[in-house]
Amino acid sequence: MSDLRIPKALRQKITEQARHRCGYCLTSEFVVGAPMEIDHLIPLSFGGPTEENNLWLACPLCNEHKSDRIAALDAQTNATVRLFNPRLEKWDDHFTWSENADRILGITPTGRATVIALNLNRPSLVRARQAWVTVGWHPPKE
Protein backbone atom coordinates (compact mmCIF):
# COMPACT_ATOMS: atom_id res chain seq x y z
CA MET A 1 0.00 0.00 0.00
CA SER A 2 1.10 3.56 -0.47
CA ASP A 3 2.41 5.29 2.62
CA LEU A 4 1.10 8.63 1.29
CA ARG A 5 -2.07 8.26 3.43
CA ILE A 6 -0.09 7.73 6.64
CA PRO A 7 0.95 10.90 8.45
CA LYS A 8 4.72 11.10 8.92
CA ALA A 9 4.54 11.16 12.74
CA LEU A 10 2.31 8.06 12.79
CA ARG A 11 4.59 6.24 10.35
CA GLN A 12 7.59 7.03 12.58
CA LYS A 13 5.76 5.85 15.70
CA ILE A 14 4.81 2.53 14.07
CA THR A 15 8.34 2.08 12.70
CA GLU A 16 9.76 2.50 16.20
CA GLN A 17 7.16 0.17 17.74
CA ALA A 18 8.09 -2.49 15.16
CA ARG A 19 11.80 -1.93 15.84
CA HIS A 20 12.44 -1.10 12.18
CA ARG A 21 11.63 -4.61 10.97
CA CYS A 22 8.91 -6.51 9.17
CA GLY A 23 6.31 -7.87 11.57
CA TYR A 24 6.06 -11.10 9.56
CA CYS A 25 9.53 -12.19 8.37
CA LEU A 26 11.44 -10.01 10.91
CA THR A 27 13.72 -8.64 8.20
CA SER A 28 15.36 -5.47 9.45
CA GLU A 29 15.16 -2.22 7.56
CA PHE A 30 18.78 -1.63 8.56
CA VAL A 31 19.95 -4.92 7.03
CA VAL A 32 18.23 -4.50 3.67
CA GLY A 33 18.78 -0.76 3.44
CA ALA A 34 15.30 -0.13 2.06
CA PRO A 35 12.26 1.33 3.80
CA MET A 36 9.50 -0.89 5.07
CA GLU A 37 5.86 -0.29 4.28
CA ILE A 38 2.92 0.33 6.56
CA ASP A 39 0.51 -2.62 6.52
CA HIS A 40 -3.18 -2.31 7.37
CA LEU A 41 -3.69 -5.41 9.53
CA ILE A 42 -7.38 -5.32 8.68
CA PRO A 43 -7.20 -4.11 5.07
CA LEU A 44 -8.89 -0.95 3.90
CA SER A 45 -11.02 -3.13 1.61
CA PHE A 46 -12.53 -4.75 4.75
CA GLY A 47 -13.09 -1.40 6.42
CA GLY A 48 -9.83 -1.39 8.38
CA PRO A 49 -9.05 2.10 9.65
CA THR A 50 -5.84 4.02 9.14
CA GLU A 51 -5.23 4.21 12.88
CA GLU A 52 -2.29 3.17 15.01
CA ASN A 53 -3.95 0.01 16.38
CA ASN A 54 -4.54 -1.31 12.84
CA LEU A 55 -1.11 -0.56 11.40
CA TRP A 56 2.25 -2.33 11.53
CA LEU A 57 5.49 -2.45 9.58
CA ALA A 58 5.96 -4.96 6.75
CA CYS A 59 8.61 -5.47 4.11
CA PRO A 60 7.35 -4.84 0.58
CA LEU A 61 7.27 -8.55 -0.37
CA CYS A 62 5.40 -9.69 2.76
CA ASN A 63 2.96 -6.81 2.31
CA GLU A 64 2.48 -7.73 -1.35
CA HIS A 65 1.85 -11.40 -0.54
CA LYS A 66 -0.53 -10.51 2.30
CA SER A 67 -2.45 -8.15 0.05
CA ASP A 68 -5.98 -7.82 1.44
CA ARG A 69 -6.05 -11.20 3.17
CA ILE A 70 -6.84 -11.71 6.83
CA ALA A 71 -7.02 -15.52 6.74
CA ALA A 72 -5.44 -18.46 4.92
CA LEU A 73 -5.44 -22.24 4.85
CA ASP A 74 -3.42 -24.26 7.36
CA ALA A 75 -2.39 -27.26 5.26
CA GLN A 76 -1.90 -29.45 8.34
CA THR A 77 -5.46 -29.07 9.67
CA ASN A 78 -7.07 -28.12 6.35
CA ALA A 79 -8.80 -25.26 8.18
CA THR A 80 -8.94 -21.62 7.23
CA VAL A 81 -7.38 -19.61 10.06
CA ARG A 82 -6.59 -15.98 10.67
CA LEU A 83 -3.19 -14.65 9.65
CA PHE A 84 -0.66 -13.65 12.29
CA ASN A 85 -1.23 -10.17 13.72
CA PRO A 86 2.17 -8.70 14.68
CA ARG A 87 0.59 -5.89 16.69
CA LEU A 88 -1.42 -8.16 18.97
CA GLU A 89 0.51 -11.43 19.02
CA LYS A 90 4.02 -12.52 19.91
CA TRP A 91 6.04 -13.84 16.95
CA ASP A 92 7.57 -16.61 19.10
CA ASP A 93 4.11 -17.96 19.97
CA HIS A 94 3.48 -18.84 16.32
CA PHE A 95 6.91 -19.25 14.70
CA THR A 96 10.40 -20.51 15.29
CA TRP A 97 13.60 -20.52 13.24
CA SER A 98 14.93 -23.63 11.55
CA GLU A 99 18.10 -25.11 13.03
CA ASN A 100 20.36 -22.95 10.85
CA ALA A 101 17.97 -19.94 11.15
CA ASP A 102 17.38 -19.54 7.44
CA ARG A 103 13.71 -20.63 7.42
CA ILE A 104 10.67 -19.66 9.45
CA LEU A 105 8.69 -22.61 10.77
CA GLY A 106 5.05 -22.20 11.73
CA ILE A 107 4.28 -23.92 15.05
CA THR A 108 0.55 -23.14 15.22
CA PRO A 109 -2.21 -23.18 12.60
CA THR A 110 -1.90 -19.38 12.37
CA GLY A 111 1.88 -19.62 12.03
CA ARG A 112 1.78 -22.34 9.37
CA ALA A 113 -0.89 -20.55 7.34
CA THR A 114 1.01 -17.26 7.53
CA VAL A 115 4.31 -18.86 6.44
CA ILE A 116 2.65 -20.21 3.29
CA ALA A 117 0.35 -17.25 2.54
CA LEU A 118 3.09 -14.63 2.86
CA ASN A 119 5.78 -16.87 1.32
CA LEU A 120 8.04 -16.22 4.31
CA ASN A 121 10.62 -18.70 3.04
CA ARG A 122 10.92 -17.35 -0.48
CA PRO A 123 14.25 -18.53 -1.97
CA SER A 124 15.83 -15.08 -2.20
CA LEU A 125 15.09 -14.36 1.46
CA VAL A 126 16.39 -17.77 2.59
CA ARG A 127 19.66 -17.08 0.72
CA ALA A 128 19.86 -13.63 2.29
CA ARG A 129 19.27 -15.06 5.77
CA GLN A 130 22.07 -17.57 5.20
CA ALA A 131 24.45 -14.70 4.42
CA TRP A 132 23.20 -12.63 7.36
CA VAL A 133 23.78 -15.56 9.74
CA THR A 134 27.45 -15.74 8.71
CA VAL A 135 28.03 -12.11 9.70
CA GLY A 136 25.91 -12.23 12.86
CA TRP A 137 23.00 -10.10 11.63
CA HIS A 138 20.48 -12.92 11.90
CA PRO A 139 18.40 -14.21 13.57
CA PRO A 140 17.15 -10.98 15.11
CA LYS A 141 17.87 -10.43 18.77
CA GLU A 142 14.86 -9.55 20.86
C-alpha atoms as a PDB file:
ATOM      1  CA  MET A   1       0.000   0.000   0.000  1.00  0.00           C
ATOM      2  CA  SER A   2       1.100   3.563  -0.474  1.00  0.00           C
ATOM      3  CA  ASP A   3       2.408   5.290   2.623  1.00  0.00           C
ATOM      4  CA  LEU A   4       1.098   8.625   1.294  1.00  0.00           C
ATOM      5  CA  ARG A   5      -2.070   8.263   3.429  1.00  0.00           C
ATOM      6  CA  ILE A   6      -0.088   7.727   6.638  1.00  0.00           C
ATOM      7  CA  PRO A   7       0.946  10.904   8.454  1.00  0.00           C
ATOM      8  CA  LYS A   8       4.718  11.096   8.921  1.00  0.00           C
ATOM      9  CA  ALA A   9       4.536  11.158  12.737  1.00  0.00           C
ATOM     10  CA  LEU A  10       2.308   8.063  12.787  1.00  0.00           C
ATOM     11  CA  ARG A  11       4.595   6.238  10.351  1.00  0.00           C
ATOM     12  CA  GLN A  12       7.593   7.027  12.578  1.00  0.00           C
ATOM     13  CA  LYS A  13       5.761   5.849  15.701  1.00  0.00           C
ATOM     14  CA  ILE A  14       4.815   2.526  14.067  1.00  0.00           C
ATOM     15  CA  THR A  15       8.336   2.085  12.700  1.00  0.00           C
ATOM     16  CA  GLU A  16       9.763   2.501  16.198  1.00  0.00           C
ATOM     17  CA  GLN A  17       7.156   0.169  17.737  1.00  0.00           C
ATOM     18  CA  ALA A  18       8.089  -2.494  15.155  1.00  0.00           C
ATOM     19  CA  ARG A  19      11.798  -1.932  15.843  1.00  0.00           C
ATOM     20  CA  HIS A  20      12.438  -1.096  12.180  1.00  0.00           C
ATOM     21  CA  ARG A  21      11.634  -4.609  10.974  1.00  0.00           C
ATOM     22  CA  CYS A  22       8.913  -6.509   9.172  1.00  0.00           C
ATOM     23  CA  GLY A  23       6.313  -7.874  11.572  1.00  0.00           C
ATOM     24  CA  TYR A  24       6.056 -11.100   9.565  1.00  0.00           C
ATOM     25  CA  CYS A  25       9.527 -12.190   8.374  1.00  0.00           C
ATOM     26  CA  LEU A  26      11.438 -10.012  10.909  1.00  0.00           C
ATOM     27  CA  THR A  27      13.716  -8.639   8.195  1.00  0.00           C
ATOM     28  CA  SER A  28      15.364  -5.473   9.454  1.00  0.00           C
ATOM     29  CA  GLU A  29      15.160  -2.222   7.564  1.00  0.00           C
ATOM     30  CA  PHE A  30      18.782  -1.633   8.559  1.00  0.00           C
ATOM     31  CA  VAL A  31      19.950  -4.921   7.034  1.00  0.00           C
ATOM     32  CA  VAL A  32      18.230  -4.496   3.672  1.00  0.00           C
ATOM     33  CA  GLY A  33      18.775  -0.756   3.441  1.00  0.00           C
ATOM     34  CA  ALA A  34      15.296  -0.130   2.060  1.00  0.00           C
ATOM     35  CA  PRO A  35      12.263   1.327   3.805  1.00  0.00           C
ATOM     36  CA  MET A  36       9.505  -0.894   5.072  1.00  0.00           C
ATOM     37  CA  GLU A  37       5.855  -0.287   4.281  1.00  0.00           C
ATOM     38  CA  ILE A  38       2.918   0.328   6.563  1.00  0.00           C
ATOM     39  CA  ASP A  39       0.508  -2.616   6.524  1.00  0.00           C
ATOM     40  CA  HIS A  40      -3.178  -2.314   7.371  1.00  0.00           C
ATOM     41  CA  LEU A  41      -3.693  -5.412   9.527  1.00  0.00           C
ATOM     42  CA  ILE A  42      -7.377  -5.318   8.682  1.00  0.00           C
ATOM     43  CA  PRO A  43      -7.195  -4.112   5.074  1.00  0.00           C
ATOM     44  CA  LEU A  44      -8.889  -0.955   3.900  1.00  0.00           C
ATOM     45  CA  SER A  45     -11.025  -3.132   1.611  1.00  0.00           C
ATOM     46  CA  PHE A  46     -12.527  -4.748   4.747  1.00  0.00           C
ATOM     47  CA  GLY A  47     -13.090  -1.397   6.424  1.00  0.00           C
ATOM     48  CA  GLY A  48      -9.832  -1.387   8.384  1.00  0.00           C
ATOM     49  CA  PRO A  49      -9.049   2.098   9.654  1.00  0.00           C
ATOM     50  CA  THR A  50      -5.839   4.023   9.137  1.00  0.00           C
ATOM     51  CA  GLU A  51      -5.234   4.206  12.880  1.00  0.00           C
ATOM     52  CA  GLU A  52      -2.289   3.167  15.010  1.00  0.00           C
ATOM     53  CA  ASN A  53      -3.946   0.012  16.382  1.00  0.00           C
ATOM     54  CA  ASN A  54      -4.544  -1.309  12.837  1.00  0.00           C
ATOM     55  CA  LEU A  55      -1.107  -0.559  11.395  1.00  0.00           C
ATOM     56  CA  TRP A  56       2.253  -2.325  11.528  1.00  0.00           C
ATOM     57  CA  LEU A  57       5.488  -2.450   9.578  1.00  0.00           C
ATOM     58  CA  ALA A  58       5.962  -4.963   6.753  1.00  0.00           C
ATOM     59  CA  CYS A  59       8.607  -5.472   4.113  1.00  0.00           C
ATOM     60  CA  PRO A  60       7.350  -4.837   0.579  1.00  0.00           C
ATOM     61  CA  LEU A  61       7.265  -8.546  -0.366  1.00  0.00           C
ATOM     62  CA  CYS A  62       5.403  -9.686   2.758  1.00  0.00           C
ATOM     63  CA  ASN A  63       2.963  -6.809   2.311  1.00  0.00           C
ATOM     64  CA  GLU A  64       2.480  -7.730  -1.346  1.00  0.00           C
ATOM     65  CA  HIS A  65       1.845 -11.398  -0.538  1.00  0.00           C
ATOM     66  CA  LYS A  66      -0.531 -10.513   2.302  1.00  0.00           C
ATOM     67  CA  SER A  67      -2.452  -8.153   0.046  1.00  0.00           C
ATOM     68  CA  ASP A  68      -5.976  -7.824   1.435  1.00  0.00           C
ATOM     69  CA  ARG A  69      -6.053 -11.198   3.172  1.00  0.00           C
ATOM     70  CA  ILE A  70      -6.842 -11.710   6.828  1.00  0.00           C
ATOM     71  CA  ALA A  71      -7.020 -15.522   6.742  1.00  0.00           C
ATOM     72  CA  ALA A  72      -5.435 -18.456   4.920  1.00  0.00           C
ATOM     73  CA  LEU A  73      -5.440 -22.240   4.848  1.00  0.00           C
ATOM     74  CA  ASP A  74      -3.425 -24.256   7.356  1.00  0.00           C
ATOM     75  CA  ALA A  75      -2.389 -27.260   5.264  1.00  0.00           C
ATOM     76  CA  GLN A  76      -1.902 -29.447   8.345  1.00  0.00           C
ATOM     77  CA  THR A  77      -5.456 -29.067   9.674  1.00  0.00           C
ATOM     78  CA  ASN A  78      -7.071 -28.122   6.348  1.00  0.00           C
ATOM     79  CA  ALA A  79      -8.800 -25.263   8.176  1.00  0.00           C
ATOM     80  CA  THR A  80      -8.942 -21.617   7.228  1.00  0.00           C
ATOM     81  CA  VAL A  81      -7.384 -19.607  10.056  1.00  0.00           C
ATOM     82  CA  ARG A  82      -6.585 -15.978  10.670  1.00  0.00           C
ATOM     83  CA  LEU A  83      -3.187 -14.650   9.655  1.00  0.00           C
ATOM     84  CA  PHE A  84      -0.657 -13.648  12.288  1.00  0.00           C
ATOM     85  CA  ASN A  85      -1.230 -10.168  13.718  1.00  0.00           C
ATOM     86  CA  PRO A  86       2.170  -8.697  14.677  1.00  0.00           C
ATOM     87  CA  ARG A  87       0.592  -5.892  16.688  1.00  0.00           C
ATOM     88  CA  LEU A  88      -1.425  -8.165  18.971  1.00  0.00           C
ATOM     89  CA  GLU A  89       0.507 -11.433  19.017  1.00  0.00           C
ATOM     90  CA  LYS A  90       4.022 -12.520  19.906  1.00  0.00           C
ATOM     91  CA  TRP A  91       6.042 -13.841  16.947  1.00  0.00           C
ATOM     92  CA  ASP A  92       7.573 -16.610  19.098  1.00  0.00           C
ATOM     93  CA  ASP A  93       4.113 -17.959  19.970  1.00  0.00           C
ATOM     94  CA  HIS A  94       3.484 -18.843  16.315  1.00  0.00           C
ATOM     95  CA  PHE A  95       6.907 -19.247  14.699  1.00  0.00           C
ATOM     96  CA  THR A  96      10.404 -20.505  15.290  1.00  0.00           C
ATOM     97  CA  TRP A  97      13.598 -20.521  13.243  1.00  0.00           C
ATOM     98  CA  SER A  98      14.931 -23.628  11.546  1.00  0.00           C
ATOM     99  CA  GLU A  99      18.102 -25.111  13.029  1.00  0.00           C
ATOM    100  CA  ASN A 100      20.356 -22.946  10.846  1.00  0.00           C
ATOM    101  CA  ALA A 101      17.970 -19.942  11.152  1.00  0.00           C
ATOM    102  CA  ASP A 102      17.377 -19.543   7.435  1.00  0.00           C
ATOM    103  CA  ARG A 103      13.714 -20.626   7.421  1.00  0.00           C
ATOM    104  CA  ILE A 104      10.669 -19.657   9.449  1.00  0.00           C
ATOM    105  CA  LEU A 105       8.686 -22.615  10.770  1.00  0.00           C
ATOM    106  CA  GLY A 106       5.045 -22.203  11.732  1.00  0.00           C
ATOM    107  CA  ILE A 107       4.277 -23.922  15.045  1.00  0.00           C
ATOM    108  CA  THR A 108       0.549 -23.136  15.223  1.00  0.00           C
ATOM    109  CA  PRO A 109      -2.210 -23.178  12.602  1.00  0.00           C
ATOM    110  CA  THR A 110      -1.895 -19.384  12.371  1.00  0.00           C
ATOM    111  CA  GLY A 111       1.876 -19.624  12.025  1.00  0.00           C
ATOM    112  CA  ARG A 112       1.777 -22.339   9.372  1.00  0.00           C
ATOM    113  CA  ALA A 113      -0.892 -20.552   7.335  1.00  0.00           C
ATOM    114  CA  THR A 114       1.011 -17.260   7.532  1.00  0.00           C
ATOM    115  CA  VAL A 115       4.309 -18.862   6.437  1.00  0.00           C
ATOM    116  CA  ILE A 116       2.645 -20.211   3.293  1.00  0.00           C
ATOM    117  CA  ALA A 117       0.348 -17.251   2.541  1.00  0.00           C
ATOM    118  CA  LEU A 118       3.091 -14.633   2.856  1.00  0.00           C
ATOM    119  CA  ASN A 119       5.777 -16.871   1.324  1.00  0.00           C
ATOM    120  CA  LEU A 120       8.037 -16.224   4.314  1.00  0.00           C
ATOM    121  CA  ASN A 121      10.622 -18.703   3.039  1.00  0.00           C
ATOM    122  CA  ARG A 122      10.924 -17.351  -0.485  1.00  0.00           C
ATOM    123  CA  PRO A 123      14.253 -18.525  -1.968  1.00  0.00           C
ATOM    124  CA  SER A 124      15.828 -15.076  -2.205  1.00  0.00           C
ATOM    125  CA  LEU A 125      15.089 -14.362   1.465  1.00  0.00           C
ATOM    126  CA  VAL A 126      16.385 -17.766   2.586  1.00  0.00           C
ATOM    127  CA  ARG A 127      19.659 -17.080   0.721  1.00  0.00           C
ATOM    128  CA  ALA A 128      19.857 -13.628   2.289  1.00  0.00           C
ATOM    129  CA  ARG A 129      19.272 -15.056   5.771  1.00  0.00           C
ATOM    130  CA  GLN A 130      22.068 -17.571   5.200  1.00  0.00           C
ATOM    131  CA  ALA A 131      24.450 -14.698   4.422  1.00  0.00           C
ATOM    132  CA  TRP A 132      23.197 -12.627   7.362  1.00  0.00           C
ATOM    133  CA  VAL A 133      23.784 -15.556   9.744  1.00  0.00           C
ATOM    134  CA  THR A 134      27.449 -15.739   8.708  1.00  0.00           C
ATOM    135  CA  VAL A 135      28.031 -12.106   9.697  1.00  0.00           C
ATOM    136  CA  GLY A 136      25.911 -12.227  12.862  1.00  0.00           C
ATOM    137  CA  TRP A 137      23.001 -10.099  11.634  1.00  0.00           C
ATOM    138  CA  HIS A 138      20.479 -12.915  11.905  1.00  0.00           C
ATOM    139  CA  PRO A 139      18.398 -14.207  13.572  1.00  0.00           C
ATOM    140  CA  PRO A 140      17.151 -10.978  15.108  1.00  0.00           C
ATOM    141  CA  LYS A 141      17.868 -10.430  18.773  1.00  0.00           C
ATOM    142  CA  GLU A 142      14.859  -9.555  20.864  1.00  0.00           C
END
